[in-house]
Amino acid sequence: MTRPLVSVIIPVRNQTPLVLRCIQSLRNQKRLGEIILMNDASTPEETEILKTITGVRYFQNAGNEGFVKTCNRGAKKAEHDYLLFLNSDTEAYHDMCLEVMARNLDDGAKVCGAKLLYPKNDPYRAEQTQHVGVAFRTDGYPIHILSNMPADTPATNVRRVVPAVTGACFMTPREWWNRLDGFDLKFSPGTLEDVDYCLRTTKLGGEIIYEPESILTHYEHASQDKAANWFTREHLGRNFQYLLQKHGKPEPSDRYWFKGV
């Protein structure tokens, strides 16, 4: 029986050196069906470079639509049954990264996230954990589980069900994506749309998995447009309030901090 292939959707706004490194790390991935490059109004100079990249399906937005709208548009272009939304500032460690994530979807999971590490050249956090899943504080705010831990910390190497995973590396079946109608556009241009998708998934009985055998470097926020930073206190506060209005305050997740299971 043929297993579903993965459509990798990469929203891009400038930062072509990062984009090229990300795409190169995907070339030999098992289960890779296609790479979709969504150019979200890069400069004319960088757009010309992006257009020359071989082995990708290239699409260009008419204007700067932001992460949420660009992901939703990219999903409509995808030709395969599994969708992986991937930040352009990531780099796969090995050629099984997609395969081990996809296996969780094969087994019925509705969302799967990977282990994301800070880069080797980070002066303070070299190859420490940036993401091993998302859980909730007592005030309901979502934060990364066991962040800034050495990559070989046992608790970070446990495959587990988690409340949410980050949209920086986020795999979901196309059928489930269509059922949920993608990311909620009210979170545009970006932030917390991934958490909202996961909360909606849980409410419908879907399972969210953190897969530690899929490992990527994440140059955190390196792909962010410096002239239009979404990670401001005002924007995060607005989206967090909308998240609370939509779902209520999520249950605190203390067990993830202390037990790692």
C-alpha atoms as a PDB file:
ATOM      1  CA  MET A   1       0.000   0.000   0.000  1.00  0.00           C
ATOM      2  CA  THR A   2       1.397   3.395  -1.015  1.00  0.00           C
ATOM      3  CA  ARG A   3       1.776   5.747   1.927  1.00  0.00           C
ATOM      4  CA  PRO A   4       0.794   9.423   1.526  1.00  0.00           C
ATOM      5  CA  LEU A   5       3.477  11.873   0.455  1.00  0.00           C
ATOM      6  CA  VAL A   6       4.114  15.242   2.058  1.00  0.00           C
ATOM      7  CA  SER A   7       3.590  18.669   0.526  1.00  0.00           C
ATOM      8  CA  VAL A   8       5.999  21.061   2.264  1.00  0.00           C
ATOM      9  CA  ILE A   9       4.647  24.623   2.286  1.00  0.00           C
ATOM     10  CA  ILE A  10       7.219  27.336   2.999  1.00  0.00           C
ATOM     11  CA  PRO A  11       6.039  30.946   3.357  1.00  0.00           C
ATOM     12  CA  VAL A  12       8.862  33.294   2.354  1.00  0.00           C
ATOM     13  CA  ARG A  13       9.488  37.015   2.655  1.00  0.00           C
ATOM     14  CA  ASN A  14      13.079  37.844   1.672  1.00  0.00           C
ATOM     15  CA  GLN A  15      15.895  36.117   3.641  1.00  0.00           C
ATOM     16  CA  THR A  16      16.919  34.081   0.573  1.00  0.00           C
ATOM     17  CA  PRO A  17      20.094  32.580   2.148  1.00  0.00           C
ATOM     18  CA  LEU A  18      17.900  30.968   4.819  1.00  0.00           C
ATOM     19  CA  VAL A  19      15.412  29.804   2.216  1.00  0.00           C
ATOM     20  CA  LEU A  20      18.106  28.154   0.114  1.00  0.00           C
ATOM     21  CA  ARG A  21      19.561  26.357   3.139  1.00  0.00           C
ATOM     22  CA  CYS A  22      16.117  25.143   4.216  1.00  0.00           C
ATOM     23  CA  ILE A  23      15.265  23.809   0.763  1.00  0.00           C
ATOM     24  CA  GLN A  24      18.617  22.090   0.363  1.00  0.00           C
ATOM     25  CA  SER A  25      18.038  20.215   3.625  1.00  0.00           C
ATOM     26  CA  LEU A  26      14.754  18.879   2.220  1.00  0.00           C
ATOM     27  CA  ARG A  27      16.035  17.588  -1.127  1.00  0.00           C
ATOM     28  CA  ASN A  28      16.568  13.967  -0.043  1.00  0.00           C
ATOM     29  CA  GLN A  29      13.780  13.662   2.497  1.00  0.00           C
ATOM     30  CA  LYS A  30      11.887  10.385   2.540  1.00  0.00           C
ATOM     31  CA  ARG A  31       8.149  10.825   1.807  1.00  0.00           C
ATOM     32  CA  LEU A  32       8.734  14.246   0.201  1.00  0.00           C
ATOM     33  CA  GLY A  33       6.141  14.860  -2.480  1.00  0.00           C
ATOM     34  CA  GLU A  34       6.771  18.510  -3.304  1.00  0.00           C
ATOM     35  CA  ILE A  35       8.124  21.775  -1.961  1.00  0.00           C
ATOM     36  CA  ILE A  36       5.806  24.762  -2.364  1.00  0.00           C
ATOM     37  CA  LEU A  37       7.489  28.145  -2.073  1.00  0.00           C
ATOM     38  CA  MET A  38       5.034  30.936  -1.251  1.00  0.00           C
ATOM     39  CA  ASN A  39       6.654  34.315  -1.899  1.00  0.00           C
ATOM     40  CA  ASP A  40       4.898  36.866   0.294  1.00  0.00           C
ATOM     41  CA  ALA A  41       5.945  40.125  -1.383  1.00  0.00           C
ATOM     42  CA  SER A  42       9.729  39.841  -1.175  1.00  0.00           C
ATOM     43  CA  THR A  43      11.779  42.665  -2.665  1.00  0.00           C
ATOM     44  CA  PRO A  44      12.235  42.595  -6.453  1.00  0.00           C
ATOM     45  CA  GLU A  45      15.886  41.644  -6.006  1.00  0.00           C
ATOM     46  CA  GLU A  46      15.180  38.714  -3.705  1.00  0.00           C
ATOM     47  CA  THR A  47      12.179  37.659  -5.774  1.00  0.00           C
ATOM     48  CA  GLU A  48      14.435  37.217  -8.792  1.00  0.00           C
ATOM     49  CA  ILE A  49      16.616  34.846  -6.759  1.00  0.00           C
ATOM     50  CA  LEU A  50      13.630  32.892  -5.420  1.00  0.00           C
ATOM     51  CA  LYS A  51      12.322  32.390  -8.950  1.00  0.00           C
ATOM     52  CA  THR A  52      15.545  30.623  -9.954  1.00  0.00           C
ATOM     53  CA  ILE A  53      15.334  27.877  -7.303  1.00  0.00           C
ATOM     54  CA  THR A  54      14.883  24.519  -8.993  1.00  0.00           C
ATOM     55  CA  GLY A  55      12.800  21.605  -7.779  1.00  0.00           C
ATOM     56  CA  VAL A  56      10.092  23.700  -6.127  1.00  0.00           C
ATOM     57  CA  ARG A  57       6.636  24.908  -7.082  1.00  0.00           C
ATOM     58  CA  TYR A  58       6.774  28.688  -6.884  1.00  0.00           C
ATOM     59  CA  PHE A  59       3.843  31.018  -6.188  1.00  0.00           C
ATOM     60  CA  GLN A  60       3.801  34.736  -5.480  1.00  0.00           C
ATOM     61  CA  ASN A  61       1.312  36.804  -3.497  1.00  0.00           C
ATOM     62  CA  ALA A  62       0.209  40.110  -4.970  1.00  0.00           C
ATOM     63  CA  GLY A  63       1.023  41.854  -1.679  1.00  0.00           C
ATOM     64  CA  ASN A  64       2.196  41.143   1.845  1.00  0.00           C
ATOM     65  CA  GLU A  65      -0.505  38.809   3.157  1.00  0.00           C
ATOM     66  CA  GLY A  66       1.259  37.497   6.266  1.00  0.00           C
ATOM     67  CA  PHE A  67       1.919  33.980   7.540  1.00  0.00           C
ATOM     68  CA  VAL A  68      -1.667  32.816   8.146  1.00  0.00           C
ATOM     69  CA  LYS A  69      -3.108  33.807   4.766  1.00  0.00           C
ATOM     70  CA  THR A  70      -0.002  32.581   2.953  1.00  0.00           C
ATOM     71  CA  CYS A  71      -0.195  29.151   4.618  1.00  0.00           C
ATOM     72  CA  ASN A  72      -3.885  28.867   3.765  1.00  0.00           C
ATOM     73  CA  ARG A  73      -3.191  29.831   0.169  1.00  0.00           C
ATOM     74  CA  GLY A  74      -0.282  27.386  -0.051  1.00  0.00           C
ATOM     75  CA  ALA A  75      -2.446  24.535   1.233  1.00  0.00           C
ATOM     76  CA  LYS A  76      -4.836  25.085  -1.655  1.00  0.00           C
ATOM     77  CA  LYS A  77      -1.939  24.618  -4.072  1.00  0.00           C
ATOM     78  CA  ALA A  78      -0.767  21.359  -2.463  1.00  0.00           C
ATOM     79  CA  GLU A  79      -1.102  18.095  -4.386  1.00  0.00           C
ATOM     80  CA  HIS A  80      -0.457  15.541  -1.629  1.00  0.00           C
ATOM     81  CA  ASP A  81      -2.389  14.193   1.355  1.00  0.00           C
ATOM     82  CA  TYR A  82      -0.080  15.381   4.138  1.00  0.00           C
ATOM     83  CA  LEU A  83       0.706  19.082   4.603  1.00  0.00           C
ATOM     84  CA  LEU A  84       3.836  20.333   6.361  1.00  0.00           C
ATOM     85  CA  PHE A  85       3.957  24.038   7.128  1.00  0.00           C
ATOM     86  CA  LEU A  86       7.613  24.916   7.577  1.00  0.00           C
ATOM     87  CA  ASN A  87       9.371  28.157   8.445  1.00  0.00           C
ATOM     88  CA  SER A  88      12.093  29.188   6.036  1.00  0.00           C
ATOM     89  CA  ASP A  89      14.516  29.589   8.976  1.00  0.00           C
ATOM     90  CA  THR A  90      14.607  25.849   9.675  1.00  0.00           C
ATOM     91  CA  GLU A  91      17.038  23.187   8.516  1.00  0.00           C
ATOM     92  CA  ALA A  92      16.477  19.433   8.684  1.00  0.00           C
ATOM     93  CA  TYR A  93      19.149  17.408  10.509  1.00  0.00           C
ATOM     94  CA  HIS A  94      18.657  14.142   8.581  1.00  0.00           C
ATOM     95  CA  ASP A  95      16.698  12.709   5.656  1.00  0.00           C
ATOM     96  CA  MET A  96      14.090  10.950   7.840  1.00  0.00           C
ATOM     97  CA  CYS A  97      12.614  14.119   9.361  1.00  0.00           C
ATOM     98  CA  LEU A  98       9.473  14.039   7.215  1.00  0.00           C
ATOM     99  CA  GLU A  99       9.176  10.258   7.336  1.00  0.00           C
ATOM    100  CA  VAL A 100       9.044   9.950  11.124  1.00  0.00           C
ATOM    101  CA  MET A 101       6.525  12.786  11.379  1.00  0.00           C
ATOM    102  CA  ALA A 102       4.353  11.267   8.651  1.00  0.00           C
ATOM    103  CA  ARG A 103       4.268   7.912  10.444  1.00  0.00           C
ATOM    104  CA  ASN A 104       2.309   9.559  13.257  1.00  0.00           C
ATOM    105  CA  LEU A 105      -0.300  10.726  10.762  1.00  0.00           C
ATOM    106  CA  ASP A 106      -0.337   7.214   9.275  1.00  0.00           C
ATOM    107  CA  ASP A 107      -1.275   6.002  12.758  1.00  0.00           C
ATOM    108  CA  GLY A 108      -4.128   8.500  13.079  1.00  0.00           C
ATOM    109  CA  ALA A 109      -2.615  11.626  14.635  1.00  0.00           C
ATOM    110  CA  LYS A 110      -4.116  14.860  13.322  1.00  0.00           C
ATOM    111  CA  VAL A 111      -1.121  17.124  14.042  1.00  0.00           C
ATOM    112  CA  CYS A 112       2.567  16.344  14.461  1.00  0.00           C
ATOM    113  CA  GLY A 113       5.450  18.603  15.470  1.00  0.00           C
ATOM    114  CA  ALA A 114       9.204  18.077  15.523  1.00  0.00           C
ATOM    115  CA  LYS A 115      12.118  18.702  17.857  1.00  0.00           C
ATOM    116  CA  LEU A 116      13.548  22.142  17.070  1.00  0.00           C
ATOM    117  CA  LEU A 117      17.018  23.128  18.272  1.00  0.00           C
ATOM    118  CA  TYR A 118      18.840  26.428  18.348  1.00  0.00           C
ATOM    119  CA  PRO A 119      21.717  26.545  15.824  1.00  0.00           C
ATOM    120  CA  LYS A 120      25.242  25.372  16.550  1.00  0.00           C
ATOM    121  CA  ASN A 121      26.607  28.907  16.263  1.00  0.00           C
ATOM    122  CA  ASP A 122      24.258  30.418  18.850  1.00  0.00           C
ATOM    123  CA  PRO A 123      26.635  31.897  21.480  1.00  0.00           C
ATOM    124  CA  TYR A 124      24.308  31.178  24.404  1.00  0.00           C
ATOM    125  CA  ARG A 125      22.007  28.307  23.416  1.00  0.00           C
ATOM    126  CA  ALA A 126      23.951  26.232  20.897  1.00  0.00           C
ATOM    127  CA  GLU A 127      21.902  23.111  20.055  1.00  0.00           C
ATOM    128  CA  GLN A 128      19.675  23.567  23.069  1.00  0.00           C
ATOM    129  CA  THR A 129      15.959  22.902  22.684  1.00  0.00           C
ATOM    130  CA  GLN A 130      13.790  25.647  21.243  1.00  0.00           C
ATOM    131  CA  HIS A 131      10.664  23.519  20.834  1.00  0.00           C
ATOM    132  CA  VAL A 132       9.541  20.106  22.060  1.00  0.00           C
ATOM    133  CA  GLY A 133       5.831  20.899  22.127  1.00  0.00           C
ATOM    134  CA  VAL A 134       3.600  23.600  23.613  1.00  0.00           C
ATOM    135  CA  ALA A 135       1.734  23.614  26.935  1.00  0.00           C
ATOM    136  CA  PHE A 136      -0.132  26.243  28.974  1.00  0.00           C
ATOM    137  CA  ARG A 137       0.715  28.366  31.994  1.00  0.00           C
ATOM    138  CA  THR A 138      -1.778  28.913  34.805  1.00  0.00           C
ATOM    139  CA  ASP A 139      -2.978  32.104  33.076  1.00  0.00           C
ATOM    140  CA  GLY A 140      -3.660  30.107  29.908  1.00  0.00           C
ATOM    141  CA  TYR A 141      -0.755  31.501  27.917  1.00  0.00           C
ATOM    142  CA  PRO A 142       0.973  28.932  25.652  1.00  0.00           C
ATOM    143  CA  ILE A 143       4.724  28.444  26.047  1.00  0.00           C
ATOM    144  CA  HIS A 144       7.327  25.989  24.776  1.00  0.00           C
ATOM    145  CA  ILE A 145       7.840  22.858  26.843  1.00  0.00           C
ATOM    146  CA  LEU A 146      11.332  22.235  28.303  1.00  0.00           C
ATOM    147  CA  SER A 147      12.957  24.994  26.258  1.00  0.00           C
ATOM    148  CA  ASN A 148      16.675  25.801  26.567  1.00  0.00           C
ATOM    149  CA  MET A 149      17.588  22.265  27.571  1.00  0.00           C
ATOM    150  CA  PRO A 150      20.552  20.270  26.202  1.00  0.00           C
ATOM    151  CA  ALA A 151      19.475  18.370  23.105  1.00  0.00           C
ATOM    152  CA  ASP A 152      20.152  14.992  24.737  1.00  0.00           C
ATOM    153  CA  THR A 153      18.040  15.662  27.849  1.00  0.00           C
ATOM    154  CA  PRO A 154      15.997  12.453  28.287  1.00  0.00           C
ATOM    155  CA  ALA A 155      12.680  14.251  28.796  1.00  0.00           C
ATOM    156  CA  THR A 156      13.050  15.973  25.416  1.00  0.00           C
ATOM    157  CA  ASN A 157      13.461  12.624  23.663  1.00  0.00           C
ATOM    158  CA  VAL A 158      10.081  11.192  24.678  1.00  0.00           C
ATOM    159  CA  ARG A 159       7.466  10.911  21.963  1.00  0.00           C
ATOM    160  CA  ARG A 160       4.244  12.132  23.553  1.00  0.00           C
ATOM    161  CA  VAL A 161       0.788  13.584  23.114  1.00  0.00           C
ATOM    162  CA  VAL A 162       0.983  17.356  23.717  1.00  0.00           C
ATOM    163  CA  PRO A 163      -1.560  20.200  23.919  1.00  0.00           C
ATOM    164  CA  ALA A 164      -0.062  21.952  20.872  1.00  0.00           C
ATOM    165  CA  VAL A 165       2.960  22.312  18.591  1.00  0.00           C
ATOM    166  CA  THR A 166       4.472  25.284  16.832  1.00  0.00           C
ATOM    167  CA  GLY A 167       3.565  26.356  13.312  1.00  0.00           C
ATOM    168  CA  ALA A 168       7.281  26.603  12.543  1.00  0.00           C
ATOM    169  CA  CYS A 169       7.146  22.857  11.742  1.00  0.00           C
ATOM    170  CA  PHE A 170       3.582  21.608  11.694  1.00  0.00           C
ATOM    171  CA  MET A 171       2.266  18.542   9.837  1.00  0.00           C
ATOM    172  CA  THR A 172      -1.408  17.713   9.414  1.00  0.00           C
ATOM    173  CA  PRO A 173      -3.490  15.588   7.024  1.00  0.00           C
ATOM    174  CA  ARG A 174      -5.076  17.547   4.195  1.00  0.00           C
ATOM    175  CA  GLU A 175      -8.479  16.001   5.004  1.00  0.00           C
ATOM    176  CA  TRP A 176      -8.293  17.279   8.604  1.00  0.00           C
ATOM    177  CA  TRP A 177      -7.018  20.687   7.456  1.00  0.00           C
ATOM    178  CA  ASN A 178     -10.004  21.016   5.161  1.00  0.00           C
ATOM    179  CA  ARG A 179     -12.372  19.946   7.931  1.00  0.00           C
ATOM    180  CA  LEU A 180     -11.029  22.719  10.180  1.00  0.00           C
ATOM    181  CA  ASP A 181     -10.904  25.165   7.249  1.00  0.00           C
ATOM    182  CA  GLY A 182      -7.206  25.809   7.833  1.00  0.00           C
ATOM    183  CA  PHE A 183      -5.776  28.495  10.092  1.00  0.00           C
ATOM    184  CA  ASP A 184      -8.230  31.043  11.477  1.00  0.00           C
ATOM    185  CA  LEU A 185      -7.724  34.280   9.524  1.00  0.00           C
ATOM    186  CA  LYS A 186      -8.523  36.347  12.615  1.00  0.00           C
ATOM    187  CA  PHE A 187      -5.016  35.501  13.869  1.00  0.00           C
ATOM    188  CA  SER A 188      -3.499  37.252  10.842  1.00  0.00           C
ATOM    189  CA  PRO A 189      -0.821  38.140  10.058  1.00  0.00           C
ATOM    190  CA  GLY A 190       0.455  35.472  12.459  1.00  0.00           C
ATOM    191  CA  THR A 191       1.026  34.132  16.037  1.00  0.00           C
ATOM    192  CA  LEU A 192      -1.143  31.682  17.999  1.00  0.00           C
ATOM    193  CA  GLU A 193      -2.946  30.420  14.890  1.00  0.00           C
ATOM    194  CA  ASP A 194      -1.060  27.141  15.435  1.00  0.00           C
ATOM    195  CA  VAL A 195      -2.263  26.857  19.044  1.00  0.00           C
ATOM    196  CA  ASP A 196      -5.820  27.618  17.976  1.00  0.00           C
ATOM    197  CA  TYR A 197      -5.662  24.866  15.322  1.00  0.00           C
ATOM    198  CA  CYS A 198      -4.432  22.410  17.943  1.00  0.00           C
ATOM    199  CA  LEU A 199      -7.135  23.367  20.437  1.00  0.00           C
ATOM    200  CA  ARG A 200      -9.786  22.906  17.747  1.00  0.00           C
ATOM    201  CA  THR A 201      -8.224  19.546  16.925  1.00  0.00           C
ATOM    202  CA  THR A 202      -8.414  18.382  20.537  1.00  0.00           C
ATOM    203  CA  LYS A 203     -12.042  19.483  20.850  1.00  0.00           C
ATOM    204  CA  LEU A 204     -12.907  17.253  17.902  1.00  0.00           C
ATOM    205  CA  GLY A 205     -11.072  14.280  19.410  1.00  0.00           C
ATOM    206  CA  GLY A 206      -7.878  14.555  17.351  1.00  0.00           C
ATOM    207  CA  GLU A 207      -4.445  13.733  18.754  1.00  0.00           C
ATOM    208  CA  ILE A 208      -1.399  16.012  18.631  1.00  0.00           C
ATOM    209  CA  ILE A 209       2.014  14.357  18.738  1.00  0.00           C
ATOM    210  CA  TYR A 210       5.503  15.650  19.485  1.00  0.00           C
ATOM    211  CA  GLU A 211       7.975  13.520  17.518  1.00  0.00           C
ATOM    212  CA  PRO A 212      11.539  13.749  18.937  1.00  0.00           C
ATOM    213  CA  GLU A 213      13.125  11.679  16.144  1.00  0.00           C
ATOM    214  CA  SER A 214      12.399  14.479  13.680  1.00  0.00           C
ATOM    215  CA  ILE A 215      15.075  17.084  14.461  1.00  0.00           C
ATOM    216  CA  LEU A 216      15.543  20.464  12.819  1.00  0.00           C
ATOM    217  CA  THR A 217      17.622  23.537  13.504  1.00  0.00           C
ATOM    218  CA  HIS A 218      15.461  26.622  13.996  1.00  0.00           C
ATOM    219  CA  TYR A 219      17.031  30.052  13.546  1.00  0.00           C
ATOM    220  CA  GLU A 220      14.203  31.481  15.636  1.00  0.00           C
ATOM    221  CA  HIS A 221      12.567  34.628  14.182  1.00  0.00           C
ATOM    222  CA  ALA A 222      15.281  34.880  11.518  1.00  0.00           C
ATOM    223  CA  SER A 223      12.632  34.662   8.800  1.00  0.00           C
ATOM    224  CA  GLN A 224      10.598  37.456  10.394  1.00  0.00           C
ATOM    225  CA  ASP A 225      10.241  40.663   8.402  1.00  0.00           C
ATOM    226  CA  LYS A 226      12.113  43.166  10.547  1.00  0.00           C
ATOM    227  CA  ALA A 227      10.043  46.056   9.171  1.00  0.00           C
ATOM    228  CA  ALA A 228       6.745  44.406  10.126  1.00  0.00           C
ATOM    229  CA  ASN A 229       7.379  42.377  13.281  1.00  0.00           C
ATOM    230  CA  TRP A 230       4.275  40.438  14.373  1.00  0.00           C
ATOM    231  CA  PHE A 231       5.806  39.447  17.718  1.00  0.00           C
ATOM    232  CA  THR A 232       5.013  42.749  19.402  1.00  0.00           C
ATOM    233  CA  ARG A 233       3.346  42.868  22.795  1.00  0.00           C
ATOM    234  CA  GLU A 234       0.307  44.558  21.248  1.00  0.00           C
ATOM    235  CA  HIS A 235      -0.176  41.939  18.545  1.00  0.00           C
ATOM    236  CA  LEU A 236       0.468  38.967  20.837  1.00  0.00           C
ATOM    237  CA  GLY A 237      -1.888  40.424  23.437  1.00  0.00           C
ATOM    238  CA  ARG A 238      -4.660  40.892  20.885  1.00  0.00           C
ATOM    239  CA  ASN A 239      -4.350  37.345  19.553  1.00  0.00           C
ATOM    240  CA  PHE A 240      -4.122  35.865  23.041  1.00  0.00           C
ATOM    241  CA  GLN A 241      -7.340  37.604  24.045  1.00  0.00           C
ATOM    242  CA  TYR A 242      -9.023  36.242  20.929  1.00  0.00           C
ATOM    243  CA  LEU A 243      -7.719  32.758  21.785  1.00  0.00           C
ATOM    244  CA  LEU A 244      -9.263  33.022  25.270  1.00  0.00           C
ATOM    245  CA  GLN A 245     -12.562  34.297  23.885  1.00  0.00           C
ATOM    246  CA  LYS A 246     -12.711  31.415  21.448  1.00  0.00           C
ATOM    247  CA  HIS A 247     -11.632  28.534  23.709  1.00  0.00           C
ATOM    248  CA  GLY A 248     -11.729  29.743  27.286  1.00  0.00           C
ATOM    249  CA  LYS A 249      -8.628  29.416  29.472  1.00  0.00           C
ATOM    250  CA  PRO A 250      -6.842  26.137  28.642  1.00  0.00           C
ATOM    251  CA  GLU A 251      -6.024  23.775  31.488  1.00  0.00           C
ATOM    252  CA  PRO A 252      -2.526  24.334  32.952  1.00  0.00           C
ATOM    253  CA  SER A 253       0.013  21.708  31.931  1.00  0.00           C
ATOM    254  CA  ASP A 254       2.380  21.456  34.901  1.00  0.00           C
ATOM    255  CA  ARG A 255       3.081  17.771  34.345  1.00  0.00           C
ATOM    256  CA  TYR A 256       5.042  18.569  31.186  1.00  0.00           C
ATOM    257  CA  TRP A 257       7.523  20.674  33.112  1.00  0.00           C
ATOM    258  CA  PHE A 258       8.278  18.301  35.979  1.00  0.00           C
ATOM    259  CA  LYS A 259       7.848  14.791  34.608  1.00  0.00           C
ATOM    260  CA  GLY A 260       8.560  15.207  30.907  1.00  0.00           C
ATOM    261  CA  VAL A 261       5.749  12.793  30.010  1.00  0.00           C
END
